[in-house]
Amino acid sequence: MSKNIVILNGSPRRHGNTSMLCDAFAEGLAEAGHALTRFDLQQMDIRGCLGCVKGGRDAAHPCVQKDDMAAIYPAYTAADVLVLASPMYYWGFSGQLKTAFDRLFAVAECQPGYANPRKDCVLIMAAEGDSPENWKPVLDYYHALLHFLGWRDRGRVLAGGVFEAGAVAGHPAVREARTLGASL
């Protein structure tokens, strides 16, 4: 059965390692016949959350801020699987991904009790380091998100030991990304 997949790519590099992993993942999705919407967040005008808690009044435009999140909200709402893709920045997500993800709270504001829509989730990340200690803070945060949002983990692709743009080429994680995309 075809699934609706949304990638939030938080890489600031258009052809960087995270983007290359997203490309491989998208190839696998295409093989499996899934629908894909990809947002390369660096190319978009997305402002930080104001913490105003004034969203949710209009499901079609849930946030009071009017920027490029308007394209993400309907895709996110309709998605079966949300892919969080980011290079590791100081043992966390990039600012681009964190900013967009924070703004998804406006969708929860549309629901009683701020209920988030249920999603399956995938994590794709490239990082310079490649030790268990290096991945731990990100994985702890990712698992906390899944727990508190009630989402289901559908897999992770972690490409360690890559720093320079393009360094992921030939890395086993590229094949893993393609395989994970095809397996959904």
N, C-alpha and C. Protein backbone atom coordinates (compact mmCIF):
# COMPACT_ATOMS: atom_id res chain seq x y z
N MET A 1 0.84 -1.18 0.00
CA MET A 1 0.00 0.00 0.00
C MET A 1 0.89 1.25 0.00
N SER A 2 0.60 2.16 -0.89
CA SER A 2 1.39 3.38 -1.02
C SER A 2 1.21 4.27 0.20
N LYS A 3 2.31 4.83 0.67
CA LYS A 3 2.30 5.74 1.81
C LYS A 3 2.68 7.15 1.36
N ASN A 4 2.23 8.10 2.13
CA ASN A 4 2.56 9.50 1.89
C ASN A 4 3.71 9.87 2.83
N ILE A 5 4.87 10.20 2.27
CA ILE A 5 6.08 10.46 3.03
C ILE A 5 6.47 11.92 2.89
N VAL A 6 6.84 12.55 3.99
CA VAL A 6 7.36 13.92 3.97
C VAL A 6 8.76 13.92 4.57
N ILE A 7 9.70 14.50 3.84
CA ILE A 7 11.06 14.69 4.34
C ILE A 7 11.23 16.15 4.71
N LEU A 8 11.63 16.40 5.95
CA LEU A 8 12.08 17.72 6.37
C LEU A 8 13.60 17.66 6.40
N ASN A 9 14.23 18.18 5.36
CA ASN A 9 15.68 18.13 5.24
C ASN A 9 16.27 19.40 5.83
N GLY A 10 16.91 19.25 6.99
CA GLY A 10 17.49 20.39 7.69
C GLY A 10 18.93 20.69 7.32
N SER A 11 19.43 20.12 6.24
CA SER A 11 20.80 20.38 5.85
C SER A 11 20.92 21.76 5.20
N PRO A 12 21.91 22.55 5.62
CA PRO A 12 22.11 23.83 4.95
C PRO A 12 22.85 23.69 3.61
N ARG A 13 23.45 22.52 3.36
CA ARG A 13 24.19 22.32 2.12
C ARG A 13 23.30 21.61 1.10
N ARG A 14 23.11 22.26 -0.02
CA ARG A 14 22.23 21.73 -1.07
C ARG A 14 22.65 20.34 -1.54
N HIS A 15 23.94 20.08 -1.61
CA HIS A 15 24.44 18.79 -2.08
C HIS A 15 25.33 18.15 -1.01
N GLY A 16 24.99 18.35 0.24
CA GLY A 16 25.77 17.82 1.34
C GLY A 16 25.43 16.37 1.64
N ASN A 17 26.03 15.85 2.68
CA ASN A 17 25.88 14.45 3.04
C ASN A 17 24.44 14.08 3.39
N THR A 18 23.78 14.92 4.18
CA THR A 18 22.39 14.64 4.56
C THR A 18 21.50 14.65 3.32
N SER A 19 21.73 15.60 2.44
CA SER A 19 20.94 15.67 1.21
C SER A 19 21.15 14.43 0.35
N MET A 20 22.39 13.94 0.29
CA MET A 20 22.67 12.73 -0.48
C MET A 20 21.96 11.51 0.14
N LEU A 21 21.91 11.45 1.46
CA LEU A 21 21.18 10.37 2.11
C LEU A 21 19.68 10.47 1.82
N CYS A 22 19.16 11.70 1.81
CA CYS A 22 17.74 11.90 1.45
C CYS A 22 17.47 11.46 0.02
N ASP A 23 18.40 11.75 -0.88
CA ASP A 23 18.25 11.33 -2.28
C ASP A 23 18.16 9.81 -2.38
N ALA A 24 19.04 9.11 -1.67
CA ALA A 24 19.03 7.64 -1.71
C ALA A 24 17.74 7.10 -1.10
N PHE A 25 17.31 7.68 -0.01
CA PHE A 25 16.05 7.29 0.64
C PHE A 25 14.89 7.49 -0.34
N ALA A 26 14.89 8.62 -1.04
CA ALA A 26 13.82 8.92 -2.01
C ALA A 26 13.82 7.91 -3.16
N GLU A 27 14.99 7.45 -3.59
CA GLU A 27 15.06 6.43 -4.63
C GLU A 27 14.38 5.15 -4.16
N GLY A 28 14.64 4.75 -2.93
CA GLY A 28 13.98 3.57 -2.38
C GLY A 28 12.48 3.74 -2.28
N LEU A 29 12.05 4.92 -1.87
CA LEU A 29 10.61 5.21 -1.80
C LEU A 29 9.96 5.08 -3.18
N ALA A 30 10.63 5.61 -4.19
CA ALA A 30 10.09 5.55 -5.55
C ALA A 30 9.97 4.10 -6.02
N GLU A 31 10.97 3.29 -5.70
CA GLU A 31 10.91 1.86 -6.05
C GLU A 31 9.70 1.18 -5.43
N ALA A 32 9.36 1.59 -4.22
CA ALA A 32 8.23 0.99 -3.50
C ALA A 32 6.89 1.63 -3.86
N GLY A 33 6.92 2.69 -4.66
CA GLY A 33 5.69 3.32 -5.11
C GLY A 33 5.06 4.29 -4.12
N HIS A 34 5.86 4.81 -3.21
CA HIS A 34 5.34 5.75 -2.22
C HIS A 34 5.37 7.18 -2.77
N ALA A 35 4.47 8.00 -2.27
CA ALA A 35 4.43 9.42 -2.63
C ALA A 35 5.38 10.18 -1.71
N LEU A 36 6.15 11.10 -2.25
CA LEU A 36 7.13 11.84 -1.49
C LEU A 36 6.97 13.33 -1.69
N THR A 37 7.01 14.05 -0.59
CA THR A 37 7.14 15.51 -0.61
C THR A 37 8.38 15.83 0.22
N ARG A 38 9.28 16.57 -0.38
CA ARG A 38 10.55 16.90 0.30
C ARG A 38 10.66 18.40 0.44
N PHE A 39 11.01 18.82 1.64
CA PHE A 39 11.24 20.23 1.91
C PHE A 39 12.69 20.41 2.30
N ASP A 40 13.42 21.16 1.48
CA ASP A 40 14.80 21.52 1.78
C ASP A 40 14.73 22.84 2.53
N LEU A 41 14.76 22.76 3.84
CA LEU A 41 14.42 23.87 4.72
C LEU A 41 15.33 25.08 4.57
N GLN A 42 16.61 24.87 4.22
CA GLN A 42 17.52 26.00 4.05
C GLN A 42 17.05 26.93 2.94
N GLN A 43 16.34 26.39 1.96
CA GLN A 43 15.90 27.18 0.82
C GLN A 43 14.58 27.91 1.11
N MET A 44 14.04 27.74 2.30
CA MET A 44 12.72 28.28 2.62
C MET A 44 12.83 29.41 3.65
N ASP A 45 11.81 30.26 3.65
CA ASP A 45 11.71 31.34 4.62
C ASP A 45 10.85 30.86 5.78
N ILE A 46 11.50 30.39 6.84
CA ILE A 46 10.79 29.87 8.01
C ILE A 46 11.34 30.58 9.24
N ARG A 47 10.46 31.30 9.91
CA ARG A 47 10.86 32.01 11.11
C ARG A 47 10.64 31.14 12.34
N GLY A 48 11.34 31.45 13.41
CA GLY A 48 11.23 30.70 14.65
C GLY A 48 9.87 30.88 15.31
N CYS A 49 9.49 29.89 16.10
CA CYS A 49 8.23 29.93 16.84
C CYS A 49 8.24 31.11 17.80
N LEU A 50 7.10 31.80 17.89
CA LEU A 50 6.97 32.94 18.79
C LEU A 50 6.53 32.53 20.19
N GLY A 51 6.10 31.28 20.34
CA GLY A 51 5.61 30.83 21.63
C GLY A 51 4.35 31.56 22.05
N CYS A 52 3.59 32.04 21.08
CA CYS A 52 2.41 32.85 21.38
C CYS A 52 1.18 32.02 21.75
N VAL A 53 1.18 30.74 21.36
CA VAL A 53 0.06 29.82 21.59
C VAL A 53 -1.24 30.44 21.07
N LYS A 54 -1.14 31.06 19.90
CA LYS A 54 -2.31 31.67 19.26
C LYS A 54 -2.63 31.00 17.93
N GLY A 55 -1.99 29.87 17.65
CA GLY A 55 -2.27 29.14 16.43
C GLY A 55 -3.49 28.26 16.61
N GLY A 56 -3.76 27.45 15.60
CA GLY A 56 -4.82 26.47 15.70
C GLY A 56 -6.22 26.97 15.44
N ARG A 57 -6.35 28.21 15.07
CA ARG A 57 -7.69 28.75 14.81
C ARG A 57 -8.19 28.41 13.42
N ASP A 58 -7.26 28.08 12.53
CA ASP A 58 -7.60 27.76 11.14
C ASP A 58 -6.73 26.58 10.72
N ALA A 59 -7.33 25.42 10.57
CA ALA A 59 -6.56 24.21 10.24
C ALA A 59 -5.79 24.35 8.93
N ALA A 60 -6.31 25.13 7.99
CA ALA A 60 -5.61 25.32 6.72
C ALA A 60 -4.37 26.20 6.88
N HIS A 61 -4.38 27.09 7.85
CA HIS A 61 -3.25 27.99 8.13
C HIS A 61 -3.10 28.07 9.65
N PRO A 62 -2.55 27.02 10.27
CA PRO A 62 -2.61 26.92 11.72
C PRO A 62 -1.78 27.94 12.51
N CYS A 63 -0.73 28.49 11.92
CA CYS A 63 0.15 29.41 12.65
C CYS A 63 -0.20 30.86 12.33
N VAL A 64 -0.02 31.74 13.30
CA VAL A 64 -0.27 33.16 13.06
C VAL A 64 0.78 33.78 12.15
N GLN A 65 1.97 33.18 12.10
CA GLN A 65 3.01 33.69 11.21
C GLN A 65 2.74 33.21 9.78
N LYS A 66 2.96 34.06 8.84
CA LYS A 66 2.76 33.72 7.43
C LYS A 66 4.12 33.67 6.74
N ASP A 67 4.59 32.46 6.53
CA ASP A 67 5.87 32.25 5.86
C ASP A 67 5.79 30.93 5.12
N ASP A 68 6.91 30.34 4.78
CA ASP A 68 6.91 29.11 3.97
C ASP A 68 6.43 27.87 4.72
N MET A 69 6.18 27.97 6.02
CA MET A 69 5.57 26.85 6.73
C MET A 69 4.19 26.54 6.16
N ALA A 70 3.60 27.50 5.50
CA ALA A 70 2.27 27.29 4.89
C ALA A 70 2.29 26.14 3.90
N ALA A 71 3.42 25.88 3.27
CA ALA A 71 3.53 24.74 2.34
C ALA A 71 3.72 23.43 3.11
N ILE A 72 4.34 23.50 4.26
CA ILE A 72 4.64 22.30 5.03
C ILE A 72 3.42 21.78 5.77
N TYR A 73 2.60 22.67 6.33
CA TYR A 73 1.49 22.23 7.17
C TYR A 73 0.56 21.21 6.50
N PRO A 74 0.07 21.45 5.28
CA PRO A 74 -0.83 20.44 4.71
C PRO A 74 -0.13 19.12 4.38
N ALA A 75 1.12 19.20 3.95
CA ALA A 75 1.88 17.97 3.65
C ALA A 75 2.11 17.18 4.93
N TYR A 76 2.48 17.85 5.99
CA TYR A 76 2.70 17.20 7.29
C TYR A 76 1.42 16.57 7.80
N THR A 77 0.32 17.28 7.70
CA THR A 77 -0.96 16.76 8.20
C THR A 77 -1.36 15.50 7.45
N ALA A 78 -1.10 15.46 6.15
CA ALA A 78 -1.49 14.31 5.32
C ALA A 78 -0.48 13.17 5.36
N ALA A 79 0.70 13.41 5.90
CA ALA A 79 1.78 12.41 5.86
C ALA A 79 1.49 11.21 6.75
N ASP A 80 1.86 10.04 6.23
CA ASP A 80 1.87 8.82 7.04
C ASP A 80 3.19 8.71 7.79
N VAL A 81 4.28 9.17 7.12
CA VAL A 81 5.62 9.06 7.69
C VAL A 81 6.31 10.41 7.56
N LEU A 82 6.89 10.88 8.66
CA LEU A 82 7.68 12.10 8.65
C LEU A 82 9.14 11.71 8.82
N VAL A 83 9.97 12.22 7.92
CA VAL A 83 11.41 11.96 7.96
C VAL A 83 12.10 13.21 8.48
N LEU A 84 12.82 13.05 9.56
CA LEU A 84 13.61 14.13 10.13
C LEU A 84 15.05 13.91 9.67
N ALA A 85 15.53 14.78 8.78
CA ALA A 85 16.86 14.63 8.20
C ALA A 85 17.70 15.85 8.57
N SER A 86 18.89 15.59 9.08
CA SER A 86 19.73 16.69 9.54
C SER A 86 21.17 16.24 9.66
N PRO A 87 22.10 17.16 9.42
CA PRO A 87 23.45 16.89 9.88
C PRO A 87 23.45 17.09 11.40
N MET A 88 24.38 16.46 12.08
CA MET A 88 24.49 16.67 13.52
C MET A 88 25.22 17.99 13.77
N TYR A 89 24.57 18.86 14.51
CA TYR A 89 25.17 20.13 14.92
C TYR A 89 25.21 20.15 16.43
N TYR A 90 26.39 20.17 16.98
CA TYR A 90 26.55 20.19 18.43
C TYR A 90 25.67 19.15 19.11
N TRP A 91 25.72 17.93 18.61
CA TRP A 91 25.04 16.76 19.15
C TRP A 91 23.52 16.92 19.16
N GLY A 92 23.00 17.59 18.13
CA GLY A 92 21.56 17.77 17.97
C GLY A 92 21.21 18.01 16.52
N PHE A 93 19.96 18.38 16.29
CA PHE A 93 19.47 18.71 14.95
C PHE A 93 20.01 20.09 14.54
N SER A 94 20.05 20.32 13.25
CA SER A 94 20.41 21.65 12.75
C SER A 94 19.33 22.65 13.15
N GLY A 95 19.68 23.91 13.18
CA GLY A 95 18.70 24.97 13.47
C GLY A 95 17.56 24.98 12.46
N GLN A 96 17.86 24.66 11.20
CA GLN A 96 16.83 24.65 10.17
C GLN A 96 15.74 23.64 10.50
N LEU A 97 16.15 22.43 10.90
CA LEU A 97 15.17 21.40 11.22
C LEU A 97 14.44 21.72 12.52
N LYS A 98 15.17 22.14 13.53
CA LYS A 98 14.56 22.44 14.82
C LYS A 98 13.54 23.56 14.70
N THR A 99 13.85 24.59 13.92
CA THR A 99 12.92 25.70 13.74
C THR A 99 11.62 25.24 13.08
N ALA A 100 11.73 24.46 12.01
CA ALA A 100 10.52 23.98 11.32
C ALA A 100 9.75 23.02 12.22
N PHE A 101 10.45 22.14 12.92
CA PHE A 101 9.76 21.17 13.77
C PHE A 101 9.01 21.87 14.90
N ASP A 102 9.63 22.88 15.51
CA ASP A 102 8.95 23.64 16.56
C ASP A 102 7.66 24.26 16.05
N ARG A 103 7.67 24.72 14.83
CA ARG A 103 6.50 25.38 14.25
C ARG A 103 5.36 24.41 13.98
N LEU A 104 5.63 23.10 13.96
CA LEU A 104 4.55 22.12 13.77
C LEU A 104 3.60 22.10 14.96
N PHE A 105 3.98 22.71 16.08
CA PHE A 105 3.09 22.78 17.24
C PHE A 105 1.78 23.46 16.88
N ALA A 106 1.79 24.36 15.90
CA ALA A 106 0.56 25.04 15.49
C ALA A 106 -0.49 24.03 15.01
N VAL A 107 -0.06 22.92 14.44
CA VAL A 107 -1.01 21.88 14.01
C VAL A 107 -1.64 21.22 15.24
N ALA A 108 -0.83 20.97 16.26
CA ALA A 108 -1.36 20.40 17.51
C ALA A 108 -2.36 21.36 18.16
N GLU A 109 -2.13 22.66 18.00
CA GLU A 109 -3.04 23.65 18.57
C GLU A 109 -4.45 23.57 17.98
N CYS A 110 -4.58 22.91 16.84
CA CYS A 110 -5.90 22.74 16.21
C CYS A 110 -6.73 21.67 16.92
N GLN A 111 -6.11 20.89 17.78
CA GLN A 111 -6.77 19.75 18.42
C GLN A 111 -6.98 20.00 19.90
N PRO A 112 -8.06 19.42 20.46
CA PRO A 112 -8.26 19.53 21.91
C PRO A 112 -7.06 18.94 22.65
N GLY A 113 -6.61 19.61 23.68
CA GLY A 113 -5.48 19.14 24.46
C GLY A 113 -4.16 19.15 23.71
N TYR A 114 -4.10 19.87 22.62
CA TYR A 114 -2.88 19.97 21.80
C TYR A 114 -2.40 18.61 21.34
N ALA A 115 -3.33 17.78 20.93
CA ALA A 115 -2.99 16.43 20.47
C ALA A 115 -2.27 16.51 19.13
N ASN A 116 -1.09 15.93 19.07
CA ASN A 116 -0.35 15.88 17.82
C ASN A 116 -0.89 14.78 16.94
N PRO A 117 -0.88 14.98 15.63
CA PRO A 117 -1.29 13.89 14.74
C PRO A 117 -0.34 12.71 14.89
N ARG A 118 -0.85 11.51 14.82
CA ARG A 118 -0.03 10.29 14.95
C ARG A 118 0.73 10.07 13.65
N LYS A 119 2.00 9.81 13.78
CA LYS A 119 2.86 9.60 12.62
C LYS A 119 3.82 8.45 12.88
N ASP A 120 4.30 7.89 11.78
CA ASP A 120 5.50 7.08 11.82
C ASP A 120 6.64 8.04 11.53
N CYS A 121 7.83 7.71 11.98
CA CYS A 121 8.94 8.65 11.85
C CYS A 121 10.23 7.91 11.49
N VAL A 122 11.08 8.61 10.73
CA VAL A 122 12.39 8.12 10.34
C VAL A 122 13.40 9.22 10.66
N LEU A 123 14.57 8.83 11.13
CA LEU A 123 15.66 9.77 11.36
C LEU A 123 16.78 9.47 10.37
N ILE A 124 17.22 10.51 9.66
CA ILE A 124 18.37 10.43 8.77
C ILE A 124 19.36 11.48 9.23
N MET A 125 20.60 11.05 9.51
CA MET A 125 21.58 12.02 10.01
C MET A 125 22.99 11.66 9.56
N ALA A 126 23.72 12.70 9.21
CA ALA A 126 25.14 12.59 8.91
C ALA A 126 25.91 13.33 10.00
N ALA A 127 27.07 12.81 10.36
CA ALA A 127 27.85 13.43 11.43
C ALA A 127 29.33 13.18 11.23
N GLU A 128 30.13 14.08 11.77
CA GLU A 128 31.57 13.89 11.74
C GLU A 128 31.99 12.73 12.63
N GLY A 129 31.45 12.67 13.84
CA GLY A 129 31.79 11.61 14.77
C GLY A 129 31.02 10.34 14.49
N ASP A 130 31.53 9.23 14.98
CA ASP A 130 30.86 7.96 14.72
C ASP A 130 31.02 6.98 15.88
N SER A 131 30.88 7.48 17.10
CA SER A 131 30.96 6.61 18.26
C SER A 131 29.59 6.56 18.92
N PRO A 132 29.34 5.55 19.73
CA PRO A 132 28.06 5.50 20.45
C PRO A 132 27.82 6.76 21.29
N GLU A 133 28.89 7.29 21.90
CA GLU A 133 28.73 8.52 22.70
C GLU A 133 28.33 9.70 21.83
N ASN A 134 28.82 9.73 20.61
CA ASN A 134 28.49 10.81 19.69
C ASN A 134 27.00 10.79 19.33
N TRP A 135 26.45 9.62 19.08
CA TRP A 135 25.06 9.50 18.65
C TRP A 135 24.07 9.60 19.81
N LYS A 136 24.52 9.31 21.03
CA LYS A 136 23.60 9.20 22.17
C LYS A 136 22.71 10.42 22.37
N PRO A 137 23.22 11.66 22.39
CA PRO A 137 22.32 12.79 22.65
C PRO A 137 21.20 12.93 21.60
N VAL A 138 21.55 12.71 20.34
CA VAL A 138 20.54 12.81 19.28
C VAL A 138 19.52 11.68 19.41
N LEU A 139 19.99 10.48 19.64
CA LEU A 139 19.06 9.35 19.75
C LEU A 139 18.18 9.48 20.99
N ASP A 140 18.73 10.00 22.08
CA ASP A 140 17.90 10.23 23.27
C ASP A 140 16.79 11.23 22.95
N TYR A 141 17.14 12.31 22.27
CA TYR A 141 16.13 13.33 21.90
C TYR A 141 15.09 12.73 20.94
N TYR A 142 15.57 12.02 19.93
CA TYR A 142 14.66 11.40 18.96
C TYR A 142 13.68 10.45 19.65
N HIS A 143 14.18 9.60 20.53
CA HIS A 143 13.31 8.67 21.23
C HIS A 143 12.35 9.40 22.18
N ALA A 144 12.79 10.49 22.78
CA ALA A 144 11.89 11.30 23.61
C ALA A 144 10.77 11.89 22.77
N LEU A 145 11.10 12.41 21.60
CA LEU A 145 10.06 12.92 20.70
C LEU A 145 9.04 11.84 20.38
N LEU A 146 9.53 10.68 19.98
CA LEU A 146 8.63 9.58 19.64
C LEU A 146 7.73 9.23 20.82
N HIS A 147 8.31 9.14 21.99
CA HIS A 147 7.54 8.78 23.18
C HIS A 147 6.46 9.81 23.48
N PHE A 148 6.84 11.07 23.56
CA PHE A 148 5.89 12.09 23.96
C PHE A 148 4.86 12.42 22.88
N LEU A 149 5.21 12.23 21.61
CA LEU A 149 4.26 12.47 20.53
C LEU A 149 3.42 11.24 20.23
N GLY A 150 3.82 10.08 20.75
CA GLY A 150 3.09 8.85 20.45
C GLY A 150 3.36 8.35 19.04
N TRP A 151 4.53 8.66 18.52
CA TRP A 151 4.89 8.26 17.17
C TRP A 151 5.66 6.94 17.19
N ARG A 152 5.71 6.29 16.02
CA ARG A 152 6.40 5.01 15.88
C ARG A 152 7.66 5.18 15.03
N ASP A 153 8.76 4.66 15.54
CA ASP A 153 10.03 4.69 14.82
C ASP A 153 9.99 3.67 13.69
N ARG A 154 10.26 4.12 12.47
CA ARG A 154 10.31 3.22 11.33
C ARG A 154 11.74 2.97 10.87
N GLY A 155 12.71 3.59 11.56
CA GLY A 155 14.10 3.31 11.24
C GLY A 155 14.96 4.55 11.29
N ARG A 156 16.26 4.28 11.32
CA ARG A 156 17.23 5.36 11.38
C ARG A 156 18.37 5.04 10.42
N VAL A 157 18.89 6.08 9.81
CA VAL A 157 20.10 5.97 9.00
C VAL A 157 21.07 6.97 9.60
N LEU A 158 22.14 6.45 10.17
CA LEU A 158 23.15 7.28 10.82
C LEU A 158 24.47 7.10 10.10
N ALA A 159 24.93 8.16 9.45
CA ALA A 159 26.17 8.10 8.68
C ALA A 159 27.23 8.87 9.45
N GLY A 160 28.06 8.16 10.19
CA GLY A 160 29.14 8.79 10.94
C GLY A 160 30.44 8.79 10.17
N GLY A 161 31.34 9.67 10.59
CA GLY A 161 32.64 9.75 9.95
C GLY A 161 32.63 10.53 8.66
N VAL A 162 31.60 11.35 8.47
CA VAL A 162 31.51 12.16 7.25
C VAL A 162 31.40 13.63 7.66
N PHE A 163 32.21 14.46 7.06
CA PHE A 163 32.20 15.88 7.42
C PHE A 163 32.15 16.76 6.18
N GLU A 164 33.11 16.59 5.30
CA GLU A 164 33.14 17.40 4.07
C GLU A 164 31.95 17.03 3.19
N ALA A 165 31.41 18.01 2.48
CA ALA A 165 30.30 17.76 1.56
C ALA A 165 30.70 16.67 0.57
N GLY A 166 29.84 15.67 0.43
CA GLY A 166 30.08 14.57 -0.50
C GLY A 166 30.82 13.40 0.11
N ALA A 167 31.29 13.53 1.35
CA ALA A 167 32.06 12.45 1.99
C ALA A 167 31.24 11.18 2.18
N VAL A 168 29.93 11.29 2.15
CA VAL A 168 29.08 10.11 2.37
C VAL A 168 29.03 9.20 1.13
N ALA A 169 29.47 9.69 -0.01
CA ALA A 169 29.46 8.87 -1.23
C ALA A 169 30.24 7.58 -0.97
N GLY A 170 29.62 6.46 -1.25
CA GLY A 170 30.25 5.17 -1.03
C GLY A 170 30.12 4.64 0.39
N HIS A 171 29.59 5.44 1.29
CA HIS A 171 29.40 5.02 2.69
C HIS A 171 28.24 4.01 2.74
N PRO A 172 28.33 2.99 3.57
CA PRO A 172 27.24 1.99 3.66
C PRO A 172 25.88 2.62 4.01
N ALA A 173 25.88 3.79 4.64
CA ALA A 173 24.61 4.43 5.00
C ALA A 173 23.79 4.85 3.78
N VAL A 174 24.46 5.08 2.66
CA VAL A 174 23.71 5.43 1.44
C VAL A 174 22.84 4.25 1.02
N ARG A 175 23.43 3.07 1.02
CA ARG A 175 22.66 1.86 0.71
C ARG A 175 21.57 1.61 1.76
N GLU A 176 21.90 1.85 3.02
CA GLU A 176 20.92 1.69 4.10
C GLU A 176 19.73 2.63 3.89
N ALA A 177 20.01 3.86 3.47
CA ALA A 177 18.93 4.83 3.25
C ALA A 177 18.01 4.36 2.13
N ARG A 178 18.60 3.90 1.05
CA ARG A 178 17.80 3.42 -0.08
C ARG A 178 16.97 2.19 0.35
N THR A 179 17.58 1.28 1.07
CA THR A 179 16.89 0.08 1.53
C THR A 179 15.75 0.43 2.48
N LEU A 180 16.00 1.37 3.39
CA LEU A 180 14.95 1.77 4.33
C LEU A 180 13.79 2.40 3.58
N GLY A 181 14.08 3.26 2.62
CA GLY A 181 13.01 3.86 1.82
C GLY A 181 12.17 2.81 1.10
N ALA A 182 12.82 1.83 0.54
CA ALA A 182 12.11 0.76 -0.18
C ALA A 182 11.31 -0.11 0.76
N SER A 183 11.73 -0.22 2.02
CA SER A 183 11.08 -1.14 2.97
C SER A 183 9.81 -0.58 3.60
N LEU A 184 9.61 0.71 3.47
CA LEU A 184 8.42 1.30 4.10
C LEU A 184 7.17 0.85 3.39
